[in-house]
Amino acid sequence: MNMIIFMFTLSLTLTIILTSLNLWLTQTTPDLEKLSPYECGFDPLGSARLPFSIRFFLVAIMFLLFDLEIALLLPLPWAIQLQSPSMTLIWASTIILLLTTGLIYEWTQGGLEWAE
């Protein structure tokens, strides 16, 4: 019982000391650099509300889709658990063919071209 009281008193004392040190050592005056929304070290060159390129957005979405599909394709042999390896190969080939067809479609539609 004495050990529990000792540990409680020690943790309470340590908490009070650390909290008081935090309040005592923190900077109370706000710094101009800390109040600035730009923390990368560069001065803002323009408005932060400029519209971004929709082409960049589409490429980013395509990357996420293909990345997700590849991540789903990797555990395919363990996830399907088919008895014959040829059936697993057929399923994996079907998914890769579907991905390739989607990539060719995006390529022919001009979704991968940056300049117009």
N, C-alpha and C. Protein backbone atom coordinates (compact mmCIF):
# COMPACT_ATOMS: atom_id res chain seq x y z
N MET A 1 0.82 -1.20 0.00
CA MET A 1 0.00 0.00 0.00
C MET A 1 0.86 1.25 0.00
N ASN A 2 1.98 1.20 0.75
CA ASN A 2 2.87 2.36 0.80
C ASN A 2 3.50 2.62 -0.57
N MET A 3 3.76 1.55 -1.32
CA MET A 3 4.37 1.70 -2.64
C MET A 3 3.42 2.40 -3.61
N ILE A 4 2.14 2.09 -3.52
CA ILE A 4 1.16 2.73 -4.39
C ILE A 4 1.05 4.21 -4.08
N ILE A 5 1.02 4.55 -2.79
CA ILE A 5 0.95 5.96 -2.38
C ILE A 5 2.21 6.69 -2.83
N PHE A 6 3.37 6.04 -2.68
CA PHE A 6 4.63 6.64 -3.11
C PHE A 6 4.63 6.90 -4.63
N MET A 7 4.18 5.92 -5.44
CA MET A 7 4.16 6.07 -6.89
C MET A 7 3.17 7.16 -7.31
N PHE A 8 2.03 7.22 -6.65
CA PHE A 8 1.06 8.26 -6.95
C PHE A 8 1.61 9.64 -6.64
N THR A 9 2.25 9.78 -5.47
CA THR A 9 2.83 11.06 -5.07
C THR A 9 3.95 11.45 -6.03
N LEU A 10 4.77 10.49 -6.43
CA LEU A 10 5.86 10.77 -7.35
C LEU A 10 5.33 11.21 -8.71
N SER A 11 4.32 10.52 -9.23
CA SER A 11 3.78 10.89 -10.54
C SER A 11 3.06 12.23 -10.49
N LEU A 12 2.36 12.52 -9.38
CA LEU A 12 1.70 13.81 -9.23
C LEU A 12 2.72 14.94 -9.14
N THR A 13 3.78 14.72 -8.39
CA THR A 13 4.84 15.72 -8.26
C THR A 13 5.51 15.97 -9.61
N LEU A 14 5.83 14.91 -10.32
CA LEU A 14 6.47 15.04 -11.62
C LEU A 14 5.55 15.76 -12.61
N THR A 15 4.27 15.48 -12.57
CA THR A 15 3.31 16.16 -13.44
C THR A 15 3.24 17.64 -13.14
N ILE A 16 3.20 17.99 -11.87
CA ILE A 16 3.14 19.40 -11.48
C ILE A 16 4.42 20.13 -11.89
N ILE A 17 5.58 19.50 -11.70
CA ILE A 17 6.86 20.12 -12.07
C ILE A 17 6.93 20.33 -13.58
N LEU A 18 6.57 19.31 -14.37
CA LEU A 18 6.66 19.45 -15.82
C LEU A 18 5.65 20.47 -16.36
N THR A 19 4.46 20.52 -15.79
CA THR A 19 3.48 21.51 -16.22
C THR A 19 3.92 22.92 -15.89
N SER A 20 4.46 23.12 -14.71
CA SER A 20 4.94 24.46 -14.34
C SER A 20 6.15 24.87 -15.18
N LEU A 21 7.03 23.92 -15.51
CA LEU A 21 8.15 24.24 -16.40
C LEU A 21 7.66 24.61 -17.79
N ASN A 22 6.66 23.93 -18.27
CA ASN A 22 6.10 24.24 -19.57
C ASN A 22 5.51 25.65 -19.59
N LEU A 23 4.76 26.01 -18.57
CA LEU A 23 4.17 27.34 -18.51
C LEU A 23 5.23 28.41 -18.32
N TRP A 24 6.30 28.09 -17.62
CA TRP A 24 7.34 29.08 -17.33
C TRP A 24 8.27 29.29 -18.53
N LEU A 25 8.57 28.23 -19.26
CA LEU A 25 9.55 28.32 -20.34
C LEU A 25 8.96 28.63 -21.71
N THR A 26 7.66 28.56 -21.87
CA THR A 26 7.10 28.81 -23.19
C THR A 26 7.17 30.29 -23.53
N GLN A 27 7.21 30.54 -24.84
CA GLN A 27 7.27 31.90 -25.32
C GLN A 27 5.86 32.47 -25.35
N THR A 28 5.63 33.55 -24.60
CA THR A 28 4.29 34.09 -24.50
C THR A 28 4.01 35.14 -25.56
N THR A 29 5.04 35.77 -26.11
CA THR A 29 4.82 36.74 -27.17
C THR A 29 4.83 36.03 -28.51
N PRO A 30 3.79 36.22 -29.32
CA PRO A 30 3.76 35.54 -30.62
C PRO A 30 4.81 36.11 -31.56
N ASP A 31 5.49 35.23 -32.25
CA ASP A 31 6.51 35.61 -33.21
C ASP A 31 5.86 35.84 -34.57
N LEU A 32 6.36 36.81 -35.32
CA LEU A 32 5.79 37.12 -36.63
C LEU A 32 5.94 35.95 -37.58
N GLU A 33 7.07 35.25 -37.52
CA GLU A 33 7.28 34.10 -38.40
C GLU A 33 6.37 32.94 -38.04
N LYS A 34 6.09 32.76 -36.76
CA LYS A 34 5.21 31.67 -36.35
C LYS A 34 3.76 31.96 -36.71
N LEU A 35 3.39 33.22 -36.79
CA LEU A 35 2.02 33.57 -37.13
C LEU A 35 1.78 33.54 -38.64
N SER A 36 2.85 33.45 -39.42
CA SER A 36 2.72 33.42 -40.87
C SER A 36 2.19 32.07 -41.33
N PRO A 37 1.29 32.05 -42.34
CA PRO A 37 0.78 30.76 -42.81
C PRO A 37 1.77 30.00 -43.66
N TYR A 38 2.83 30.67 -44.13
CA TYR A 38 3.83 30.02 -44.97
C TYR A 38 5.01 29.61 -44.11
N GLU A 39 5.19 28.32 -43.92
CA GLU A 39 6.26 27.84 -43.06
C GLU A 39 7.37 27.16 -43.84
N CYS A 40 7.38 27.33 -45.18
CA CYS A 40 8.38 26.65 -45.98
C CYS A 40 9.63 27.49 -46.16
N GLY A 41 9.63 28.73 -45.72
CA GLY A 41 10.80 29.58 -45.84
C GLY A 41 10.77 30.51 -47.03
N PHE A 42 9.77 30.38 -47.90
CA PHE A 42 9.64 31.24 -49.06
C PHE A 42 8.60 32.31 -48.81
N ASP A 43 8.82 33.47 -49.38
CA ASP A 43 7.81 34.52 -49.31
C ASP A 43 6.69 34.17 -50.28
N PRO A 44 5.46 34.47 -49.92
CA PRO A 44 4.37 34.17 -50.84
C PRO A 44 4.47 35.04 -52.09
N LEU A 45 4.38 34.40 -53.26
CA LEU A 45 4.54 35.11 -54.52
C LEU A 45 3.20 35.53 -55.11
N GLY A 46 2.16 34.86 -54.74
CA GLY A 46 0.84 35.18 -55.30
C GLY A 46 -0.23 34.79 -54.32
N SER A 47 -1.42 34.79 -54.81
CA SER A 47 -2.56 34.42 -53.96
C SER A 47 -2.57 32.92 -53.70
N ALA A 48 -3.01 32.53 -52.54
CA ALA A 48 -3.10 31.12 -52.20
C ALA A 48 -4.37 30.50 -52.77
N ARG A 49 -5.23 31.29 -53.35
CA ARG A 49 -6.52 30.81 -53.85
C ARG A 49 -6.53 30.65 -55.37
N LEU A 50 -5.37 30.50 -55.99
CA LEU A 50 -5.31 30.29 -57.43
C LEU A 50 -5.82 28.91 -57.78
N PRO A 51 -6.54 28.77 -58.88
CA PRO A 51 -6.99 27.44 -59.28
C PRO A 51 -5.81 26.59 -59.76
N PHE A 52 -5.87 25.32 -59.47
CA PHE A 52 -4.79 24.43 -59.91
C PHE A 52 -5.20 23.73 -61.19
N SER A 53 -4.22 23.14 -61.82
CA SER A 53 -4.45 22.51 -63.11
C SER A 53 -5.31 21.26 -62.94
N ILE A 54 -6.36 21.19 -63.74
CA ILE A 54 -7.23 20.00 -63.70
C ILE A 54 -6.50 18.80 -64.28
N ARG A 55 -5.55 19.04 -65.17
CA ARG A 55 -4.75 17.96 -65.76
C ARG A 55 -3.93 17.28 -64.67
N PHE A 56 -3.33 18.07 -63.78
CA PHE A 56 -2.58 17.49 -62.66
C PHE A 56 -3.49 16.67 -61.77
N PHE A 57 -4.68 17.16 -61.52
CA PHE A 57 -5.65 16.43 -60.69
C PHE A 57 -6.02 15.09 -61.33
N LEU A 58 -6.25 15.07 -62.64
CA LEU A 58 -6.61 13.83 -63.32
C LEU A 58 -5.48 12.81 -63.30
N VAL A 59 -4.24 13.28 -63.49
CA VAL A 59 -3.10 12.37 -63.45
C VAL A 59 -2.94 11.81 -62.04
N ALA A 60 -3.15 12.63 -61.04
CA ALA A 60 -3.05 12.16 -59.66
C ALA A 60 -4.12 11.12 -59.35
N ILE A 61 -5.34 11.34 -59.83
CA ILE A 61 -6.41 10.36 -59.62
C ILE A 61 -6.10 9.06 -60.35
N MET A 62 -5.58 9.16 -61.59
CA MET A 62 -5.22 7.94 -62.32
C MET A 62 -4.12 7.17 -61.60
N PHE A 63 -3.14 7.90 -61.05
CA PHE A 63 -2.08 7.23 -60.30
C PHE A 63 -2.67 6.48 -59.11
N LEU A 64 -3.57 7.13 -58.39
CA LEU A 64 -4.17 6.47 -57.23
C LEU A 64 -4.98 5.24 -57.64
N LEU A 65 -5.70 5.33 -58.74
CA LEU A 65 -6.49 4.17 -59.18
C LEU A 65 -5.60 3.00 -59.59
N PHE A 66 -4.57 3.29 -60.39
CA PHE A 66 -3.69 2.21 -60.81
C PHE A 66 -2.88 1.66 -59.64
N ASP A 67 -2.50 2.52 -58.72
CA ASP A 67 -1.77 2.07 -57.55
C ASP A 67 -2.64 1.17 -56.68
N LEU A 68 -3.89 1.53 -56.53
CA LEU A 68 -4.81 0.70 -55.75
C LEU A 68 -5.05 -0.64 -56.43
N GLU A 69 -5.20 -0.61 -57.74
CA GLU A 69 -5.44 -1.88 -58.45
C GLU A 69 -4.23 -2.79 -58.39
N ILE A 70 -3.04 -2.23 -58.48
CA ILE A 70 -1.83 -3.05 -58.36
C ILE A 70 -1.71 -3.60 -56.93
N ALA A 71 -2.06 -2.79 -55.95
CA ALA A 71 -2.01 -3.27 -54.57
C ALA A 71 -3.01 -4.40 -54.34
N LEU A 72 -4.13 -4.36 -55.05
CA LEU A 72 -5.10 -5.45 -54.95
C LEU A 72 -4.67 -6.67 -55.75
N LEU A 73 -3.84 -6.45 -56.77
CA LEU A 73 -3.40 -7.55 -57.61
C LEU A 73 -2.30 -8.38 -56.94
N LEU A 74 -1.47 -7.75 -56.14
CA LEU A 74 -0.33 -8.46 -55.55
C LEU A 74 -0.73 -9.65 -54.66
N PRO A 75 -1.70 -9.52 -53.78
CA PRO A 75 -2.05 -10.69 -52.96
C PRO A 75 -3.06 -11.63 -53.62
N LEU A 76 -3.27 -11.49 -54.91
CA LEU A 76 -4.27 -12.29 -55.60
C LEU A 76 -4.07 -13.80 -55.47
N PRO A 77 -2.87 -14.34 -55.63
CA PRO A 77 -2.74 -15.80 -55.49
C PRO A 77 -3.12 -16.33 -54.11
N TRP A 78 -2.90 -15.54 -53.07
CA TRP A 78 -3.26 -16.00 -51.72
C TRP A 78 -4.73 -15.73 -51.43
N ALA A 79 -5.27 -14.68 -52.02
CA ALA A 79 -6.66 -14.32 -51.73
C ALA A 79 -7.65 -15.26 -52.42
N ILE A 80 -7.33 -15.69 -53.62
CA ILE A 80 -8.26 -16.55 -54.36
C ILE A 80 -8.23 -17.97 -53.81
N GLN A 81 -7.06 -18.47 -53.52
CA GLN A 81 -6.86 -19.82 -52.98
C GLN A 81 -7.54 -20.88 -53.84
N LEU A 82 -7.28 -20.80 -55.12
CA LEU A 82 -7.83 -21.80 -56.03
C LEU A 82 -6.95 -23.05 -56.01
N GLN A 83 -7.54 -24.14 -56.41
CA GLN A 83 -6.81 -25.41 -56.38
C GLN A 83 -5.77 -25.49 -57.49
N SER A 84 -6.06 -24.90 -58.65
CA SER A 84 -5.12 -25.01 -59.76
C SER A 84 -4.40 -23.68 -59.97
N PRO A 85 -3.10 -23.72 -60.12
CA PRO A 85 -2.35 -22.48 -60.38
C PRO A 85 -2.72 -21.84 -61.71
N SER A 86 -3.20 -22.63 -62.66
CA SER A 86 -3.57 -22.05 -63.95
C SER A 86 -4.78 -21.12 -63.81
N MET A 87 -5.70 -21.44 -62.93
CA MET A 87 -6.86 -20.57 -62.72
C MET A 87 -6.44 -19.26 -62.08
N THR A 88 -5.49 -19.30 -61.15
CA THR A 88 -4.95 -18.08 -60.55
C THR A 88 -4.27 -17.24 -61.61
N LEU A 89 -3.53 -17.88 -62.50
CA LEU A 89 -2.85 -17.17 -63.58
C LEU A 89 -3.87 -16.52 -64.52
N ILE A 90 -4.97 -17.20 -64.79
CA ILE A 90 -6.01 -16.63 -65.65
C ILE A 90 -6.63 -15.40 -65.00
N TRP A 91 -6.94 -15.47 -63.71
CA TRP A 91 -7.50 -14.31 -63.00
C TRP A 91 -6.53 -13.14 -62.97
N ALA A 92 -5.25 -13.42 -62.69
CA ALA A 92 -4.25 -12.34 -62.66
C ALA A 92 -4.08 -11.74 -64.05
N SER A 93 -4.07 -12.58 -65.08
CA SER A 93 -3.94 -12.07 -66.45
C SER A 93 -5.15 -11.22 -66.84
N THR A 94 -6.32 -11.60 -66.37
CA THR A 94 -7.52 -10.82 -66.65
C THR A 94 -7.43 -9.44 -66.02
N ILE A 95 -6.96 -9.37 -64.80
CA ILE A 95 -6.83 -8.07 -64.13
C ILE A 95 -5.77 -7.23 -64.82
N ILE A 96 -4.65 -7.82 -65.19
CA ILE A 96 -3.60 -7.06 -65.89
C ILE A 96 -4.09 -6.60 -67.25
N LEU A 97 -4.86 -7.43 -67.96
CA LEU A 97 -5.42 -7.03 -69.24
C LEU A 97 -6.41 -5.88 -69.08
N LEU A 98 -7.19 -5.91 -68.02
CA LEU A 98 -8.12 -4.82 -67.74
C LEU A 98 -7.37 -3.52 -67.44
N LEU A 99 -6.31 -3.61 -66.65
CA LEU A 99 -5.49 -2.43 -66.36
C LEU A 99 -4.85 -1.88 -67.63
N THR A 100 -4.34 -2.76 -68.47
CA THR A 100 -3.69 -2.34 -69.71
C THR A 100 -4.71 -1.69 -70.65
N THR A 101 -5.91 -2.24 -70.71
CA THR A 101 -6.96 -1.66 -71.55
C THR A 101 -7.32 -0.26 -71.06
N GLY A 102 -7.43 -0.08 -69.75
CA GLY A 102 -7.70 1.24 -69.19
C GLY A 102 -6.59 2.23 -69.48
N LEU A 103 -5.35 1.78 -69.41
CA LEU A 103 -4.22 2.66 -69.70
C LEU A 103 -4.21 3.06 -71.17
N ILE A 104 -4.48 2.11 -72.06
CA ILE A 104 -4.52 2.42 -73.50
C ILE A 104 -5.67 3.39 -73.80
N TYR A 105 -6.80 3.20 -73.15
CA TYR A 105 -7.92 4.11 -73.35
C TYR A 105 -7.56 5.53 -72.91
N GLU A 106 -6.94 5.68 -71.75
CA GLU A 106 -6.52 7.00 -71.28
C GLU A 106 -5.48 7.62 -72.21
N TRP A 107 -4.61 6.80 -72.74
CA TRP A 107 -3.57 7.27 -73.65
C TRP A 107 -4.19 7.78 -74.95
N THR A 108 -5.15 7.02 -75.49
CA THR A 108 -5.77 7.45 -76.75
C THR A 108 -6.68 8.65 -76.57
N GLN A 109 -7.24 8.84 -75.38
CA GLN A 109 -8.08 9.99 -75.11
C GLN A 109 -7.27 11.24 -74.81
N GLY A 110 -5.94 11.10 -74.65
CA GLY A 110 -5.08 12.26 -74.38
C GLY A 110 -4.99 12.61 -72.91
N GLY A 111 -5.33 11.68 -72.06
CA GLY A 111 -5.28 11.98 -70.63
C GLY A 111 -3.88 12.01 -70.06
N LEU A 112 -2.91 11.52 -70.80
CA LEU A 112 -1.53 11.50 -70.30
C LEU A 112 -0.66 12.60 -70.91
N GLU A 113 -1.24 13.44 -71.76
CA GLU A 113 -0.48 14.52 -72.39
C GLU A 113 -0.58 15.78 -71.53
N TRP A 114 0.55 16.41 -71.27
CA TRP A 114 0.58 17.61 -70.46
C TRP A 114 0.31 18.85 -71.28
N ALA A 115 0.92 18.95 -72.45
CA ALA A 115 0.77 20.16 -73.28
C ALA A 115 -0.27 19.91 -74.36
N GLU A 116 -1.01 20.96 -74.66
CA GLU A 116 -2.01 20.82 -75.72
C GLU A 116 -1.76 21.85 -76.79
